[in-house]
C-alpha atoms as a PDB file:
ATOM      1  CA  MET A   1     -58.299 -56.125  28.570  1.00  0.00           C
ATOM      2  CA  ALA A   2     -56.444 -54.933  31.635  1.00  0.00           C
ATOM      3  CA  CYS A   3     -53.118 -55.584  29.907  1.00  0.00           C
ATOM      4  CA  GLN A   4     -54.296 -53.760  26.771  1.00  0.00           C
ATOM      5  CA  SER A   5     -55.456 -50.742  28.812  1.00  0.00           C
ATOM      6  CA  TYR A   6     -52.105 -50.590  30.593  1.00  0.00           C
ATOM      7  CA  ALA A   7     -50.262 -50.696  27.323  1.00  0.00           C
ATOM      8  CA  ASN A   8     -52.415 -47.893  25.926  1.00  0.00           C
ATOM      9  CA  GLN A   9     -51.785 -45.821  29.036  1.00  0.00           C
ATOM     10  CA  SER A  10     -48.012 -46.397  28.720  1.00  0.00           C
ATOM     11  CA  ASP A  11     -48.066 -45.189  25.114  1.00  0.00           C
ATOM     12  CA  ALA A  12     -49.962 -42.064  26.193  1.00  0.00           C
ATOM     13  CA  ASN A  13     -47.419 -41.347  28.930  1.00  0.00           C
ATOM     14  CA  GLN A  14     -44.569 -41.619  26.436  1.00  0.00           C
ATOM     15  CA  SER A  15     -46.388 -39.233  24.115  1.00  0.00           C
ATOM     16  CA  ASP A  16     -46.837 -36.719  26.960  1.00  0.00           C
ATOM     17  CA  ALA A  17     -43.157 -37.005  27.801  1.00  0.00           C
ATOM     18  CA  LYS A  18     -42.208 -36.061  24.256  1.00  0.00           C
ATOM     19  CA  ASN A  19     -44.526 -33.057  24.327  1.00  0.00           C
ATOM     20  CA  THR A  20     -43.091 -31.813  27.625  1.00  0.00           C
ATOM     21  CA  ALA A  21     -39.432 -32.221  26.686  1.00  0.00           C
ATOM     22  CA  ASP A  22     -36.813 -29.752  27.964  1.00  0.00           C
ATOM     23  CA  PRO A  23     -37.620 -26.405  26.278  1.00  0.00           C
ATOM     24  CA  THR A  24     -33.907 -25.689  25.786  1.00  0.00           C
ATOM     25  CA  THR A  25     -33.668 -28.872  23.742  1.00  0.00           C
ATOM     26  CA  GLN A  26     -36.595 -27.746  21.629  1.00  0.00           C
ATOM     27  CA  LEU A  27     -35.015 -24.337  21.068  1.00  0.00           C
ATOM     28  CA  SER A  28     -31.669 -25.813  20.101  1.00  0.00           C
ATOM     29  CA  SER A  29     -33.379 -27.978  17.525  1.00  0.00           C
ATOM     30  CA  ARG A  30     -34.877 -24.958  15.761  1.00  0.00           C
ATOM     31  CA  PRO A  31     -33.109 -23.844  12.599  1.00  0.00           C
ATOM     32  CA  GLN A  32     -30.622 -21.006  13.226  1.00  0.00           C
ATOM     33  CA  LEU A  33     -29.574 -18.202  10.875  1.00  0.00           C
ATOM     34  CA  LYS A  34     -26.504 -19.248   8.963  1.00  0.00           C
ATOM     35  CA  SER A  35     -23.381 -17.278   9.869  1.00  0.00           C
ATOM     36  CA  SER A  36     -23.106 -16.234   6.225  1.00  0.00           C
ATOM     37  CA  VAL A  37     -26.457 -14.427   6.398  1.00  0.00           C
ATOM     38  CA  ARG A  38     -25.331 -11.779   8.895  1.00  0.00           C
ATOM     39  CA  PRO A  39     -22.553 -10.313   6.715  1.00  0.00           C
ATOM     40  CA  ARG A  40     -25.000 -10.114   3.819  1.00  0.00           C
ATOM     41  CA  LEU A  41     -27.474  -8.237   6.003  1.00  0.00           C
ATOM     42  CA  ASN A  42     -24.689  -5.844   7.028  1.00  0.00           C
ATOM     43  CA  GLN A  43     -23.801  -5.309   3.376  1.00  0.00           C
ATOM     44  CA  VAL A  44     -27.417  -4.518   2.534  1.00  0.00           C
ATOM     45  CA  ALA A  45     -27.576  -1.987   5.378  1.00  0.00           C
ATOM     46  CA  ALA A  46     -24.285  -0.400   4.289  1.00  0.00           C
ATOM     47  CA  SER A  47     -25.485  -0.194   0.694  1.00  0.00           C
ATOM     48  CA  ALA A  48     -28.710   1.504   1.775  1.00  0.00           C
ATOM     49  CA  GLN A  49     -26.750   4.034   3.828  1.00  0.00           C
ATOM     50  CA  ALA A  50     -24.335   4.606   0.939  1.00  0.00           C
ATOM     51  CA  ALA A  51     -27.238   5.306  -1.409  1.00  0.00           C
ATOM     52  CA  LYS A  52     -28.443   8.043   0.934  1.00  0.00           C
ATOM     53  CA  ALA A  53     -24.969   9.529   1.411  1.00  0.00           C
ATOM     54  CA  GLN A  54     -25.180  11.701  -1.723  1.00  0.00           C
ATOM     55  CA  LEU A  55     -21.415  11.892  -2.144  1.00  0.00           C
ATOM     56  CA  VAL A  56     -19.716  12.380  -5.490  1.00  0.00           C
ATOM     57  CA  ASP A  57     -16.238  11.390  -6.630  1.00  0.00           C
ATOM     58  CA  ILE A  58     -14.183  14.479  -7.462  1.00  0.00           C
ATOM     59  CA  ARG A  59     -12.720  12.657 -10.485  1.00  0.00           C
ATOM     60  CA  SER A  60     -16.189  12.626 -12.055  1.00  0.00           C
ATOM     61  CA  VAL A  61     -16.423  16.398 -11.578  1.00  0.00           C
ATOM     62  CA  ASN A  62     -12.882  17.507 -12.440  1.00  0.00           C
ATOM     63  CA  PRO A  63     -10.301  14.858 -13.366  1.00  0.00           C
ATOM     64  CA  GLY A  64      -7.615  17.555 -13.475  1.00  0.00           C
ATOM     65  CA  ILE A  65      -7.414  17.640  -9.671  1.00  0.00           C
ATOM     66  CA  ARG A  66      -4.471  15.513  -8.554  1.00  0.00           C
ATOM     67  CA  LEU A  67      -4.832  13.037  -5.708  1.00  0.00           C
ATOM     68  CA  ASP A  68      -2.436  11.890  -2.987  1.00  0.00           C
ATOM     69  CA  LEU A  69      -4.920  10.354  -0.573  1.00  0.00           C
ATOM     70  CA  ARG A  70      -2.648   9.699   2.373  1.00  0.00           C
ATOM     71  CA  TYR A  71      -5.100   7.732   4.515  1.00  0.00           C
ATOM     72  CA  ALA A  72      -5.345   5.079   1.815  1.00  0.00           C
ATOM     73  CA  THR A  73      -1.607   4.517   2.368  1.00  0.00           C
ATOM     74  CA  ALA A  74       0.755   4.143   5.304  1.00  0.00           C
ATOM     75  CA  ASN A  75       2.151   7.631   4.648  1.00  0.00           C
ATOM     76  CA  ASN A  76       0.173   9.356   7.408  1.00  0.00           C
ATOM     77  CA  PHE A  77       0.386  10.015  11.125  1.00  0.00           C
ATOM     78  CA  MET A  78      -1.355   6.704  11.877  1.00  0.00           C
ATOM     79  CA  HIS A  79       1.349   4.859   9.890  1.00  0.00           C
ATOM     80  CA  ARG A  80      -1.139   2.483   8.293  1.00  0.00           C
ATOM     81  CA  PRO A  81      -3.864   2.566   5.622  1.00  0.00           C
ATOM     82  CA  LEU A  82      -7.261   3.618   6.954  1.00  0.00           C
ATOM     83  CA  TYR A  83      -9.196   3.467   3.676  1.00  0.00           C
ATOM     84  CA  LYS A  84      -9.590   0.459   1.405  1.00  0.00           C
ATOM     85  CA  GLU A  85      -9.845   2.707  -1.653  1.00  0.00           C
ATOM     86  CA  ALA A  86      -8.108   5.941  -2.611  1.00  0.00           C
ATOM     87  CA  ARG A  87     -11.066   8.182  -3.433  1.00  0.00           C
ATOM     88  CA  CYS A  88     -11.921  11.824  -2.886  1.00  0.00           C
ATOM     89  CA  LEU A  89     -15.643  11.925  -2.111  1.00  0.00           C
ATOM     90  CA  LEU A  90     -17.455  15.171  -1.351  1.00  0.00           C
ATOM     91  CA  ARG A  91     -20.918  16.662  -1.214  1.00  0.00           C
ATOM     92  CA  ALA A  92     -21.917  17.828  -4.673  1.00  0.00           C
ATOM     93  CA  ILE A  93     -21.830  21.509  -3.742  1.00  0.00           C
ATOM     94  CA  ALA A  94     -18.323  21.220  -2.270  1.00  0.00           C
ATOM     95  CA  ALA A  95     -17.106  19.221  -5.278  1.00  0.00           C
ATOM     96  CA  LYS A  96     -18.416  21.908  -7.636  1.00  0.00           C
ATOM     97  CA  GLN A  97     -16.673  24.649  -5.667  1.00  0.00           C
ATOM     98  CA  LEU A  98     -13.409  22.700  -5.596  1.00  0.00           C
ATOM     99  CA  SER A  99     -13.616  22.247  -9.355  1.00  0.00           C
ATOM    100  CA  GLN A 100     -13.968  26.008  -9.703  1.00  0.00           C
ATOM    101  CA  VAL A 101     -10.815  26.503  -7.641  1.00  0.00           C
ATOM    102  CA  GLN A 102      -8.944  24.112  -9.920  1.00  0.00           C
ATOM    103  CA  THR A 103     -10.128  25.990 -13.005  1.00  0.00           C
ATOM    104  CA  ASP A 104      -9.053  29.314 -11.496  1.00  0.00           C
ATOM    105  CA  LEU A 105      -5.591  27.969 -10.681  1.00  0.00           C
ATOM    106  CA  GLU A 106      -5.052  26.379 -14.088  1.00  0.00           C
ATOM    107  CA  ALA A 107      -5.323  29.854 -15.609  1.00  0.00           C
ATOM    108  CA  ILE A 108      -2.102  30.815 -13.780  1.00  0.00           C
ATOM    109  CA  GLY A 109      -0.273  27.532 -14.309  1.00  0.00           C
ATOM    110  CA  LEU A 110      -1.116  25.925 -10.972  1.00  0.00           C
ATOM    111  CA  GLY A 111      -3.442  23.241  -9.666  1.00  0.00           C
ATOM    112  CA  LEU A 112      -4.635  21.323  -6.623  1.00  0.00           C
ATOM    113  CA  LYS A 113      -3.417  18.109  -5.030  1.00  0.00           C
ATOM    114  CA  VAL A 114      -5.820  16.586  -2.505  1.00  0.00           C
ATOM    115  CA  TYR A 115      -4.761  14.677   0.619  1.00  0.00           C
ATOM    116  CA  ASP A 116      -8.166  13.881   2.137  1.00  0.00           C
ATOM    117  CA  CYS A 117     -11.866  14.511   1.547  1.00  0.00           C
ATOM    118  CA  TYR A 118     -14.802  12.593   3.041  1.00  0.00           C
ATOM    119  CA  ARG A 119     -13.752  10.531   6.066  1.00  0.00           C
ATOM    120  CA  PRO A 120     -15.995   7.889   7.711  1.00  0.00           C
ATOM    121  CA  LEU A 121     -16.797   8.452  11.386  1.00  0.00           C
ATOM    122  CA  SER A 122     -15.254   5.086  12.311  1.00  0.00           C
ATOM    123  CA  VAL A 123     -11.914   6.340  10.961  1.00  0.00           C
ATOM    124  CA  GLN A 124     -12.345   9.581  12.896  1.00  0.00           C
ATOM    125  CA  LYS A 125     -12.662   7.535  16.075  1.00  0.00           C
ATOM    126  CA  GLN A 126      -9.409   5.724  15.344  1.00  0.00           C
ATOM    127  CA  MET A 127      -7.622   9.047  14.831  1.00  0.00           C
ATOM    128  CA  TRP A 128      -9.049  10.537  18.013  1.00  0.00           C
ATOM    129  CA  LYS A 129      -7.903   7.516  20.000  1.00  0.00           C
ATOM    130  CA  LEU A 130      -4.315   8.174  18.938  1.00  0.00           C
ATOM    131  CA  LEU A 131      -4.448  11.994  18.932  1.00  0.00           C
ATOM    132  CA  PRO A 132      -7.239  13.389  21.146  1.00  0.00           C
ATOM    133  CA  ASP A 133      -6.387  17.015  20.379  1.00  0.00           C
ATOM    134  CA  ASP A 134      -9.214  18.983  18.791  1.00  0.00           C
ATOM    135  CA  ARG A 135      -6.815  21.518  17.319  1.00  0.00           C
ATOM    136  CA  TYR A 136      -5.944  18.853  14.756  1.00  0.00           C
ATOM    137  CA  VAL A 137      -8.465  16.006  15.071  1.00  0.00           C
ATOM    138  CA  ALA A 138     -12.157  16.724  15.638  1.00  0.00           C
ATOM    139  CA  ASN A 139     -13.815  14.911  18.524  1.00  0.00           C
ATOM    140  CA  PRO A 140     -15.891  12.091  16.994  1.00  0.00           C
ATOM    141  CA  ALA A 141     -18.558  12.686  19.638  1.00  0.00           C
ATOM    142  CA  ASN A 142     -19.562  15.686  17.546  1.00  0.00           C
ATOM    143  CA  GLY A 143     -18.218  14.518  14.203  1.00  0.00           C
ATOM    144  CA  SER A 144     -15.988  16.509  11.891  1.00  0.00           C
ATOM    145  CA  ARG A 145     -16.623  18.401   8.661  1.00  0.00           C
ATOM    146  CA  HIS A 146     -14.702  15.600   6.937  1.00  0.00           C
ATOM    147  CA  ASN A 147     -17.313  13.148   8.279  1.00  0.00           C
ATOM    148  CA  ARG A 148     -19.967  15.257   6.553  1.00  0.00           C
ATOM    149  CA  GLY A 149     -18.207  15.213   3.183  1.00  0.00           C
ATOM    150  CA  SER A 150     -17.701  18.952   3.498  1.00  0.00           C
ATOM    151  CA  ALA A 151     -13.991  19.390   4.176  1.00  0.00           C
ATOM    152  CA  VAL A 152     -10.872  18.910   2.113  1.00  0.00           C
ATOM    153  CA  ASP A 153      -7.135  18.755   2.877  1.00  0.00           C
ATOM    154  CA  LEU A 154      -4.962  19.866  -0.018  1.00  0.00           C
ATOM    155  CA  THR A 155      -2.003  21.806  -1.388  1.00  0.00           C
ATOM    156  CA  LEU A 156      -0.845  23.587  -4.545  1.00  0.00           C
ATOM    157  CA  VAL A 157       1.105  22.030  -7.433  1.00  0.00           C
ATOM    158  CA  ASP A 158       2.698  23.427 -10.581  1.00  0.00           C
ATOM    159  CA  ARG A 159       1.899  22.331 -14.142  1.00  0.00           C
ATOM    160  CA  THR A 160       4.007  19.191 -13.764  1.00  0.00           C
ATOM    161  CA  GLY A 161       2.321  18.152 -10.524  1.00  0.00           C
ATOM    162  CA  LYS A 162       5.221  19.171  -8.288  1.00  0.00           C
ATOM    163  CA  GLU A 163       4.065  20.445  -4.899  1.00  0.00           C
ATOM    164  CA  LEU A 164       4.792  24.060  -4.074  1.00  0.00           C
ATOM    165  CA  THR A 165       6.776  24.778  -0.931  1.00  0.00           C
ATOM    166  CA  MET A 166       4.600  25.173   2.151  1.00  0.00           C
ATOM    167  CA  PRO A 167       5.492  25.911   5.789  1.00  0.00           C
ATOM    168  CA  THR A 168       5.152  22.204   6.731  1.00  0.00           C
ATOM    169  CA  ASP A 169       4.244  18.838   5.313  1.00  0.00           C
ATOM    170  CA  PHE A 170       0.676  17.551   5.576  1.00  0.00           C
ATOM    171  CA  ASP A 171      -0.390  16.478   9.092  1.00  0.00           C
ATOM    172  CA  ASP A 172       2.407  18.353  10.846  1.00  0.00           C
ATOM    173  CA  PHE A 173       0.681  18.873  14.176  1.00  0.00           C
ATOM    174  CA  THR A 174       2.772  21.799  15.402  1.00  0.00           C
ATOM    175  CA  ASP A 175       2.354  25.558  15.604  1.00  0.00           C
ATOM    176  CA  ARG A 176       4.231  25.825  12.293  1.00  0.00           C
ATOM    177  CA  ALA A 177       1.152  24.441  10.514  1.00  0.00           C
ATOM    178  CA  ALA A 178      -1.029  27.366  11.635  1.00  0.00           C
ATOM    179  CA  ILE A 179      -2.486  29.532   8.895  1.00  0.00           C
ATOM    180  CA  ASN A 180      -0.863  32.656  10.394  1.00  0.00           C
ATOM    181  CA  TYR A 181       2.525  31.170  11.388  1.00  0.00           C
ATOM    182  CA  ASP A 182       5.112  33.827  10.586  1.00  0.00           C
ATOM    183  CA  GLY A 183       8.326  31.833  10.922  1.00  0.00           C
ATOM    184  CA  ALA A 184       8.171  30.131   7.524  1.00  0.00           C
ATOM    185  CA  SER A 185      10.182  31.190   4.478  1.00  0.00           C
ATOM    186  CA  THR A 186       8.922  33.997   2.286  1.00  0.00           C
ATOM    187  CA  GLU A 187       8.206  31.512  -0.504  1.00  0.00           C
ATOM    188  CA  ALA A 188       6.244  29.193   1.788  1.00  0.00           C
ATOM    189  CA  LYS A 189       4.162  32.029   3.187  1.00  0.00           C
ATOM    190  CA  HIS A 190       3.425  33.294  -0.329  1.00  0.00           C
ATOM    191  CA  ASN A 191       2.254  29.850  -1.471  1.00  0.00           C
ATOM    192  CA  ARG A 192       0.157  29.363   1.658  1.00  0.00           C
ATOM    193  CA  GLN A 193      -1.524  32.715   1.095  1.00  0.00           C
ATOM    194  CA  GLN A 194      -2.137  31.902  -2.569  1.00  0.00           C
ATOM    195  CA  LEU A 195      -3.854  28.645  -1.599  1.00  0.00           C
ATOM    196  CA  LYS A 196      -5.954  30.429   1.005  1.00  0.00           C
ATOM    197  CA  GLU A 197      -7.054  33.140  -1.434  1.00  0.00           C
ATOM    198  CA  ALA A 198      -7.933  30.618  -4.135  1.00  0.00           C
ATOM    199  CA  MET A 199     -10.043  28.556  -1.748  1.00  0.00           C
ATOM    200  CA  THR A 200     -11.822  31.409   0.025  1.00  0.00           C
ATOM    201  CA  LYS A 201     -12.689  32.988  -3.340  1.00  0.00           C
ATOM    202  CA  ARG A 202     -14.914  29.956  -4.014  1.00  0.00           C
ATOM    203  CA  GLY A 203     -16.512  29.850  -0.584  1.00  0.00           C
ATOM    204  CA  PHE A 204     -14.215  27.620   1.468  1.00  0.00           C
ATOM    205  CA  VAL A 205     -13.266  28.514   5.034  1.00  0.00           C
ATOM    206  CA  PRO A 206      -9.702  27.879   6.300  1.00  0.00           C
ATOM    207  CA  LEU A 207      -8.869  26.149   9.582  1.00  0.00           C
ATOM    208  CA  LEU A 208      -6.628  28.296  11.769  1.00  0.00           C
ATOM    209  CA  THR A 209      -4.405  25.440  12.944  1.00  0.00           C
ATOM    210  CA  GLU A 210      -3.846  23.664   9.600  1.00  0.00           C
ATOM    211  CA  TRP A 211      -2.890  25.514   6.399  1.00  0.00           C
ATOM    212  CA  TRP A 212      -4.052  22.532   4.273  1.00  0.00           C
ATOM    213  CA  HIS A 213      -7.586  22.203   5.705  1.00  0.00           C
ATOM    214  CA  PHE A 214     -10.637  23.997   4.283  1.00  0.00           C
ATOM    215  CA  ASP A 215     -14.335  23.608   5.069  1.00  0.00           C
ATOM    216  CA  ALA A 216     -17.213  24.124   2.670  1.00  0.00           C
ATOM    217  CA  ALA A 217     -19.405  26.893   4.049  1.00  0.00           C
ATOM    218  CA  SER A 218     -22.425  24.602   3.635  1.00  0.00           C
ATOM    219  CA  TRP A 219     -21.088  21.879   5.981  1.00  0.00           C
ATOM    220  CA  ALA A 220     -23.782  22.340   8.663  1.00  0.00           C
ATOM    221  CA  GLN A 221     -26.497  21.249   6.192  1.00  0.00           C
ATOM    222  CA  PHE A 222     -25.198  17.699   6.114  1.00  0.00           C
ATOM    223  CA  PRO A 223     -25.222  14.856   8.653  1.00  0.00           C
ATOM    224  CA  VAL A 224     -22.240  12.881   9.889  1.00  0.00           C
ATOM    225  CA  LEU A 225     -21.713   9.691   7.869  1.00  0.00           C
ATOM    226  CA  ASP A 226     -19.992   6.394   8.535  1.00  0.00           C
ATOM    227  CA  VAL A 227     -20.149   4.844   5.075  1.00  0.00           C
ATOM    228  CA  PRO A 228     -16.966   3.100   3.822  1.00  0.00           C
ATOM    229  CA  LEU A 229     -15.474   4.773   0.754  1.00  0.00           C
ATOM    230  CA  GLU A 230     -15.685   1.542  -1.224  1.00  0.00           C
ATOM    231  CA  ALA A 231     -19.444   1.311  -0.574  1.00  0.00           C
ATOM    232  CA  VAL A 232     -20.222   4.596  -2.325  1.00  0.00           C
ATOM    233  CA  LEU A 233     -21.096   4.042  -5.990  1.00  0.00           C
END
């Protein structure tokens, strides 16, 4: 009996030892989230944010507007693509106004070519890191009108799509890009003024330091977004 009692006690001690094992060992033995789950969760979150973005593709509003979306290419001041897709996304009210500008210009044999529209905040941060000058790049701490889907960079083209002469190329961060720069050719100043008049007629507001940049007057109604262009349906 004594031997049997000892054996029983030994079994009990072993059982207690199992129950009081190192807690870190117990934690490590618990099932962990697979690494593939996290990207899917991020995609779900991005999709939910994209659904709330309320951005429209300008091509669905007016396919006559030409596109040269520079930040989807390496032809920009960052010298590399910043967007995965070449799309002009805007708030519906801004898209409607831009379509009206295009219609007005077509009546006189001209049209619009767009360089940039909605810009995710994460891209704004990359730009600010390279060029922290708020005359040309808005501080991402406050967000830009582009980040709200309420700004557009663009120029004028003729019936064939050829760009009209302007004082500078797009993203020329010098005084020559200013909306009131007087040193440009007569032709360039005329074209710049024609673009300004066409845009302001439909409610857009020019930026003093960049002849190509115009804000929708309604920009303050909308929040800053950081939704990738490819995530917006």
